[in-house]
């Protein structure tokens, strides 16, 4: 997707919360084929469910256009986060500007998660003497990735998983007290 610095989107689009994309065209297609004033702008939805708009040979995310029309240009390196986690909901009250790190703290559980709990991993290791270890890992990011291991051999499978899950929750709560920004929907 193209970052929008050279186009005045207010000339091209009009904000319309009644439109599924949040935008309608404010101009007619010069060729008279693809769009006209008042028509819903954009198309949805690829696998990520986000609305996109094609204009002048480039593609743009509708949520970025809407945010820029309300608040001005988006600084380089920042993202627009859909607060409710629905990438099709481009209501301005559902959009906020965030860093990549904060955006991840509002994301759902990863599709490759095998434990069913965000930030809790199952792992195995064989040491240099051939001893095999199984454990759960509570993992979190507080400036850098941190983790704590819970031995299945010492605690049993269920207890190791429970303690890793509880510890992860505790660390997220502590980070949120310091303003980390994890949301209620993180990992759900």
C-alpha atoms as a PDB file:
ATOM      1  CA  UNK A   1       0.000   0.000   0.000  1.00  0.00           C
ATOM      2  CA  UNK A   2       1.130   3.515  -0.753  1.00  0.00           C
ATOM      3  CA  UNK A   3       1.620   6.048   2.036  1.00  0.00           C
ATOM      4  CA  UNK A   4      -0.365   9.132   1.164  1.00  0.00           C
ATOM      5  CA  UNK A   5       1.675  12.320   1.165  1.00  0.00           C
ATOM      6  CA  UNK A   6       1.015  13.924  -2.206  1.00  0.00           C
ATOM      7  CA  UNK A   7      -2.764  13.598  -2.545  1.00  0.00           C
ATOM      8  CA  UNK A   8      -5.336  15.877  -0.951  1.00  0.00           C
ATOM      9  CA  UNK A   9      -7.846  13.178  -0.064  1.00  0.00           C
ATOM     10  CA  UNK A  10     -10.505  15.741   0.853  1.00  0.00           C
ATOM     11  CA  UNK A  11     -10.759  16.651  -2.826  1.00  0.00           C
ATOM     12  CA  UNK A  12     -11.063  13.022  -3.920  1.00  0.00           C
ATOM     13  CA  UNK A  13     -13.218  11.523  -1.136  1.00  0.00           C
ATOM     14  CA  UNK A  14     -15.906  12.546   1.290  1.00  0.00           C
ATOM     15  CA  UNK A  15     -16.254  11.026   4.749  1.00  0.00           C
ATOM     16  CA  UNK A  16     -19.523   9.135   5.081  1.00  0.00           C
ATOM     17  CA  UNK A  17     -20.064   6.903   8.113  1.00  0.00           C
ATOM     18  CA  UNK A  18     -23.083   5.426   6.314  1.00  0.00           C
ATOM     19  CA  UNK A  19     -20.764   4.003   3.662  1.00  0.00           C
ATOM     20  CA  UNK A  20     -19.388   0.528   4.472  1.00  0.00           C
ATOM     21  CA  UNK A  21     -15.843   1.771   3.818  1.00  0.00           C
ATOM     22  CA  UNK A  22     -16.424   5.103   5.562  1.00  0.00           C
ATOM     23  CA  UNK A  23     -15.779   6.935   2.276  1.00  0.00           C
ATOM     24  CA  UNK A  24     -17.641   7.960  -0.864  1.00  0.00           C
ATOM     25  CA  UNK A  25     -16.206   9.471  -4.007  1.00  0.00           C
ATOM     26  CA  UNK A  26     -16.166  13.265  -4.194  1.00  0.00           C
ATOM     27  CA  UNK A  27     -15.212  13.240  -7.899  1.00  0.00           C
ATOM     28  CA  UNK A  28     -16.176  11.411 -11.063  1.00  0.00           C
ATOM     29  CA  UNK A  29     -13.833   9.025 -12.848  1.00  0.00           C
ATOM     30  CA  UNK A  30     -12.427  11.036 -15.774  1.00  0.00           C
ATOM     31  CA  UNK A  31     -12.990   7.990 -18.010  1.00  0.00           C
ATOM     32  CA  UNK A  32     -16.544   7.643 -16.686  1.00  0.00           C
ATOM     33  CA  UNK A  33     -16.195   3.924 -15.984  1.00  0.00           C
ATOM     34  CA  UNK A  34     -15.240   3.090 -12.393  1.00  0.00           C
ATOM     35  CA  UNK A  35     -16.672   5.620  -9.940  1.00  0.00           C
ATOM     36  CA  UNK A  36     -18.771   8.736  -9.622  1.00  0.00           C
ATOM     37  CA  UNK A  37     -19.695  11.326  -7.002  1.00  0.00           C
ATOM     38  CA  UNK A  38     -21.543   9.745  -4.053  1.00  0.00           C
ATOM     39  CA  UNK A  39     -20.605   6.136  -4.891  1.00  0.00           C
ATOM     40  CA  UNK A  40     -19.106   3.990  -2.090  1.00  0.00           C
ATOM     41  CA  UNK A  41     -15.320   4.231  -2.385  1.00  0.00           C
ATOM     42  CA  UNK A  42     -13.236   1.118  -2.039  1.00  0.00           C
ATOM     43  CA  UNK A  43     -13.475  -2.617  -1.994  1.00  0.00           C
ATOM     44  CA  UNK A  44     -13.375  -5.158   0.765  1.00  0.00           C
ATOM     45  CA  UNK A  45     -12.203  -7.612   1.749  1.00  0.00           C
ATOM     46  CA  UNK A  46      -9.106  -9.649   1.354  1.00  0.00           C
ATOM     47  CA  UNK A  47      -8.136 -12.113   4.048  1.00  0.00           C
ATOM     48  CA  UNK A  48      -7.348  -9.198   6.384  1.00  0.00           C
ATOM     49  CA  UNK A  49     -10.893  -7.736   5.984  1.00  0.00           C
ATOM     50  CA  UNK A  50      -9.569  -4.184   5.433  1.00  0.00           C
ATOM     51  CA  UNK A  51     -11.146  -1.752   2.962  1.00  0.00           C
ATOM     52  CA  UNK A  52      -8.888  -0.548   0.135  1.00  0.00           C
ATOM     53  CA  UNK A  53      -9.303   2.249  -2.383  1.00  0.00           C
ATOM     54  CA  UNK A  54      -7.627   2.498  -5.794  1.00  0.00           C
ATOM     55  CA  UNK A  55      -6.974   5.971  -7.127  1.00  0.00           C
ATOM     56  CA  UNK A  56      -4.647   7.319  -9.795  1.00  0.00           C
ATOM     57  CA  UNK A  57      -2.875   3.968 -10.217  1.00  0.00           C
ATOM     58  CA  UNK A  58      -2.179   3.397  -6.510  1.00  0.00           C
ATOM     59  CA  UNK A  59      -3.939   1.483  -3.730  1.00  0.00           C
ATOM     60  CA  UNK A  60      -4.593   2.922  -0.269  1.00  0.00           C
ATOM     61  CA  UNK A  61      -6.113   1.586   2.943  1.00  0.00           C
ATOM     62  CA  UNK A  62      -9.421   3.367   3.599  1.00  0.00           C
ATOM     63  CA  UNK A  63      -8.723   3.584   7.342  1.00  0.00           C
ATOM     64  CA  UNK A  64      -5.516   5.547   6.669  1.00  0.00           C
ATOM     65  CA  UNK A  65      -7.361   7.968   4.380  1.00  0.00           C
ATOM     66  CA  UNK A  66     -10.100   8.483   6.973  1.00  0.00           C
ATOM     67  CA  UNK A  67      -7.587   9.068   9.756  1.00  0.00           C
ATOM     68  CA  UNK A  68      -5.606  11.558   7.629  1.00  0.00           C
ATOM     69  CA  UNK A  69      -8.755  13.428   6.619  1.00  0.00           C
ATOM     70  CA  UNK A  70      -9.585  13.901  10.315  1.00  0.00           C
ATOM     71  CA  UNK A  71      -6.138  14.390  11.840  1.00  0.00           C
ATOM     72  CA  UNK A  72      -3.589  15.111   9.107  1.00  0.00           C
ATOM     73  CA  UNK A  73      -0.667  13.123   7.792  1.00  0.00           C
ATOM     74  CA  UNK A  74       0.349   9.950   9.626  1.00  0.00           C
ATOM     75  CA  UNK A  75       3.981  10.164  10.778  1.00  0.00           C
ATOM     76  CA  UNK A  76       6.357   7.601   9.287  1.00  0.00           C
ATOM     77  CA  UNK A  77       6.574   4.417  11.332  1.00  0.00           C
ATOM     78  CA  UNK A  78       3.167   4.744  12.965  1.00  0.00           C
ATOM     79  CA  UNK A  79       0.108   2.610  12.232  1.00  0.00           C
ATOM     80  CA  UNK A  80      -3.641   3.018  12.435  1.00  0.00           C
ATOM     81  CA  UNK A  81      -5.146   0.558  14.899  1.00  0.00           C
ATOM     82  CA  UNK A  82      -8.784  -0.548  14.816  1.00  0.00           C
ATOM     83  CA  UNK A  83      -9.572  -0.364  18.533  1.00  0.00           C
ATOM     84  CA  UNK A  84     -12.328  -3.007  18.399  1.00  0.00           C
ATOM     85  CA  UNK A  85     -10.144  -5.324  16.310  1.00  0.00           C
ATOM     86  CA  UNK A  86     -12.525  -5.212  13.343  1.00  0.00           C
ATOM     87  CA  UNK A  87     -10.491  -4.008  10.334  1.00  0.00           C
ATOM     88  CA  UNK A  88     -13.725  -3.331   8.404  1.00  0.00           C
ATOM     89  CA  UNK A  89     -14.964  -0.820  11.017  1.00  0.00           C
ATOM     90  CA  UNK A  90     -13.536   2.504   9.821  1.00  0.00           C
ATOM     91  CA  UNK A  91     -15.580   4.720  12.132  1.00  0.00           C
ATOM     92  CA  UNK A  92     -13.227   7.524  13.197  1.00  0.00           C
ATOM     93  CA  UNK A  93     -13.923   6.714  16.871  1.00  0.00           C
ATOM     94  CA  UNK A  94     -12.568   3.206  16.228  1.00  0.00           C
ATOM     95  CA  UNK A  95      -9.250   4.422  14.766  1.00  0.00           C
ATOM     96  CA  UNK A  96      -6.170   5.461  16.695  1.00  0.00           C
ATOM     97  CA  UNK A  97      -2.556   6.119  15.756  1.00  0.00           C
ATOM     98  CA  UNK A  98      -0.079   3.762  17.446  1.00  0.00           C
ATOM     99  CA  UNK A  99       3.361   2.226  17.213  1.00  0.00           C
ATOM    100  CA  UNK A 100       3.750  -1.303  15.874  1.00  0.00           C
ATOM    101  CA  UNK A 101       4.354  -2.493  19.453  1.00  0.00           C
ATOM    102  CA  UNK A 102       1.094  -1.005  20.757  1.00  0.00           C
ATOM    103  CA  UNK A 103      -0.785  -2.373  17.736  1.00  0.00           C
ATOM    104  CA  UNK A 104       0.414  -5.869  18.668  1.00  0.00           C
ATOM    105  CA  UNK A 105      -0.958  -5.365  22.190  1.00  0.00           C
ATOM    106  CA  UNK A 106      -4.440  -5.052  20.682  1.00  0.00           C
ATOM    107  CA  UNK A 107      -4.173  -8.096  18.430  1.00  0.00           C
ATOM    108  CA  UNK A 108      -6.048 -11.370  18.601  1.00  0.00           C
ATOM    109  CA  UNK A 109      -4.400 -14.700  19.291  1.00  0.00           C
ATOM    110  CA  UNK A 110      -1.990 -15.779  16.571  1.00  0.00           C
ATOM    111  CA  UNK A 111      -3.178 -18.491  14.196  1.00  0.00           C
ATOM    112  CA  UNK A 112      -0.007 -20.504  14.875  1.00  0.00           C
ATOM    113  CA  UNK A 113      -0.483 -20.503  18.668  1.00  0.00           C
ATOM    114  CA  UNK A 114      -0.469 -24.107  19.902  1.00  0.00           C
ATOM    115  CA  UNK A 115      -1.334 -23.619  23.595  1.00  0.00           C
ATOM    116  CA  UNK A 116      -4.458 -21.497  23.221  1.00  0.00           C
ATOM    117  CA  UNK A 117      -3.006 -18.748  25.459  1.00  0.00           C
ATOM    118  CA  UNK A 118      -1.167 -15.755  24.030  1.00  0.00           C
ATOM    119  CA  UNK A 119       2.362 -15.519  25.418  1.00  0.00           C
ATOM    120  CA  UNK A 120       2.444 -19.102  26.681  1.00  0.00           C
ATOM    121  CA  UNK A 121       4.544 -21.554  24.704  1.00  0.00           C
ATOM    122  CA  UNK A 122       5.259 -25.261  24.986  1.00  0.00           C
ATOM    123  CA  UNK A 123       8.933 -26.054  24.522  1.00  0.00           C
ATOM    124  CA  UNK A 124      11.389 -28.925  24.749  1.00  0.00           C
ATOM    125  CA  UNK A 125      15.136 -29.036  25.080  1.00  0.00           C
ATOM    126  CA  UNK A 126      17.803 -31.681  25.245  1.00  0.00           C
ATOM    127  CA  UNK A 127      20.924 -30.621  27.139  1.00  0.00           C
ATOM    128  CA  UNK A 128      24.481 -31.559  26.221  1.00  0.00           C
ATOM    129  CA  UNK A 129      24.196 -34.747  28.330  1.00  0.00           C
ATOM    130  CA  UNK A 130      21.152 -35.966  26.423  1.00  0.00           C
ATOM    131  CA  UNK A 131      18.622 -35.139  29.157  1.00  0.00           C
ATOM    132  CA  UNK A 132      15.248 -34.198  27.671  1.00  0.00           C
ATOM    133  CA  UNK A 133      13.243 -31.344  29.235  1.00  0.00           C
ATOM    134  CA  UNK A 134       9.632 -30.297  28.626  1.00  0.00           C
ATOM    135  CA  UNK A 135       8.312 -26.999  29.890  1.00  0.00           C
ATOM    136  CA  UNK A 136       5.884 -24.167  29.360  1.00  0.00           C
ATOM    137  CA  UNK A 137       7.224 -20.668  28.885  1.00  0.00           C
ATOM    138  CA  UNK A 138       5.469 -17.454  29.918  1.00  0.00           C
ATOM    139  CA  UNK A 139       6.703 -14.786  27.497  1.00  0.00           C
ATOM    140  CA  UNK A 140       6.157 -11.018  27.418  1.00  0.00           C
ATOM    141  CA  UNK A 141       7.795  -7.904  26.007  1.00  0.00           C
ATOM    142  CA  UNK A 142       8.847  -5.068  28.265  1.00  0.00           C
ATOM    143  CA  UNK A 143      11.276  -3.212  26.034  1.00  0.00           C
ATOM    144  CA  UNK A 144      12.816  -6.583  25.187  1.00  0.00           C
ATOM    145  CA  UNK A 145      11.470 -10.138  25.138  1.00  0.00           C
ATOM    146  CA  UNK A 146      11.464 -11.731  28.592  1.00  0.00           C
ATOM    147  CA  UNK A 147      10.353 -15.188  29.702  1.00  0.00           C
ATOM    148  CA  UNK A 148      10.022 -17.579  32.608  1.00  0.00           C
ATOM    149  CA  UNK A 149      10.041 -21.396  32.359  1.00  0.00           C
ATOM    150  CA  UNK A 150       7.752 -23.842  34.178  1.00  0.00           C
ATOM    151  CA  UNK A 151       8.984 -27.452  34.235  1.00  0.00           C
ATOM    152  CA  UNK A 152       6.486 -30.141  33.320  1.00  0.00           C
ATOM    153  CA  UNK A 153       8.639 -32.755  35.089  1.00  0.00           C
ATOM    154  CA  UNK A 154       8.561 -30.812  38.385  1.00  0.00           C
ATOM    155  CA  UNK A 155       5.011 -29.440  38.259  1.00  0.00           C
ATOM    156  CA  UNK A 156       3.110 -31.803  35.988  1.00  0.00           C
ATOM    157  CA  UNK A 157       1.612 -30.806  32.638  1.00  0.00           C
ATOM    158  CA  UNK A 158      -1.546 -29.093  33.906  1.00  0.00           C
ATOM    159  CA  UNK A 159       0.129 -27.196  36.747  1.00  0.00           C
ATOM    160  CA  UNK A 160       3.057 -26.025  34.584  1.00  0.00           C
ATOM    161  CA  UNK A 161       0.609 -24.703  31.995  1.00  0.00           C
ATOM    162  CA  UNK A 162      -1.565 -23.028  34.660  1.00  0.00           C
ATOM    163  CA  UNK A 163       1.413 -21.354  36.347  1.00  0.00           C
ATOM    164  CA  UNK A 164       2.814 -20.148  33.003  1.00  0.00           C
ATOM    165  CA  UNK A 165      -0.604 -18.720  32.036  1.00  0.00           C
ATOM    166  CA  UNK A 166      -1.081 -17.045  35.427  1.00  0.00           C
ATOM    167  CA  UNK A 167       2.434 -15.612  35.358  1.00  0.00           C
ATOM    168  CA  UNK A 168       1.924 -14.199  31.874  1.00  0.00           C
ATOM    169  CA  UNK A 169      -1.331 -12.522  33.031  1.00  0.00           C
ATOM    170  CA  UNK A 170       0.470 -11.114  36.084  1.00  0.00           C
ATOM    171  CA  UNK A 171       3.247  -9.625  33.924  1.00  0.00           C
ATOM    172  CA  UNK A 172       0.742  -8.061  31.490  1.00  0.00           C
ATOM    173  CA  UNK A 173      -1.153  -6.538  34.440  1.00  0.00           C
ATOM    174  CA  UNK A 174       2.102  -5.134  35.875  1.00  0.00           C
ATOM    175  CA  UNK A 175       3.116  -3.688  32.499  1.00  0.00           C
ATOM    176  CA  UNK A 176      -0.327  -2.109  32.075  1.00  0.00           C
ATOM    177  CA  UNK A 177       0.087  -0.383  35.451  1.00  0.00           C
ATOM    178  CA  UNK A 178       3.161   1.236  33.876  1.00  0.00           C
ATOM    179  CA  UNK A 179       1.166   2.200  30.759  1.00  0.00           C
ATOM    180  CA  UNK A 180       2.054  -0.673  28.414  1.00  0.00           C
ATOM    181  CA  UNK A 181      -1.311  -0.508  26.638  1.00  0.00           C
ATOM    182  CA  UNK A 182      -2.399  -4.146  26.447  1.00  0.00           C
ATOM    183  CA  UNK A 183      -6.130  -4.173  25.744  1.00  0.00           C
ATOM    184  CA  UNK A 184      -8.868  -6.500  26.983  1.00  0.00           C
ATOM    185  CA  UNK A 185      -9.088  -8.102  23.550  1.00  0.00           C
ATOM    186  CA  UNK A 186      -5.347  -8.899  23.357  1.00  0.00           C
ATOM    187  CA  UNK A 187      -4.939 -12.563  22.596  1.00  0.00           C
ATOM    188  CA  UNK A 188      -8.656 -13.343  22.489  1.00  0.00           C
END
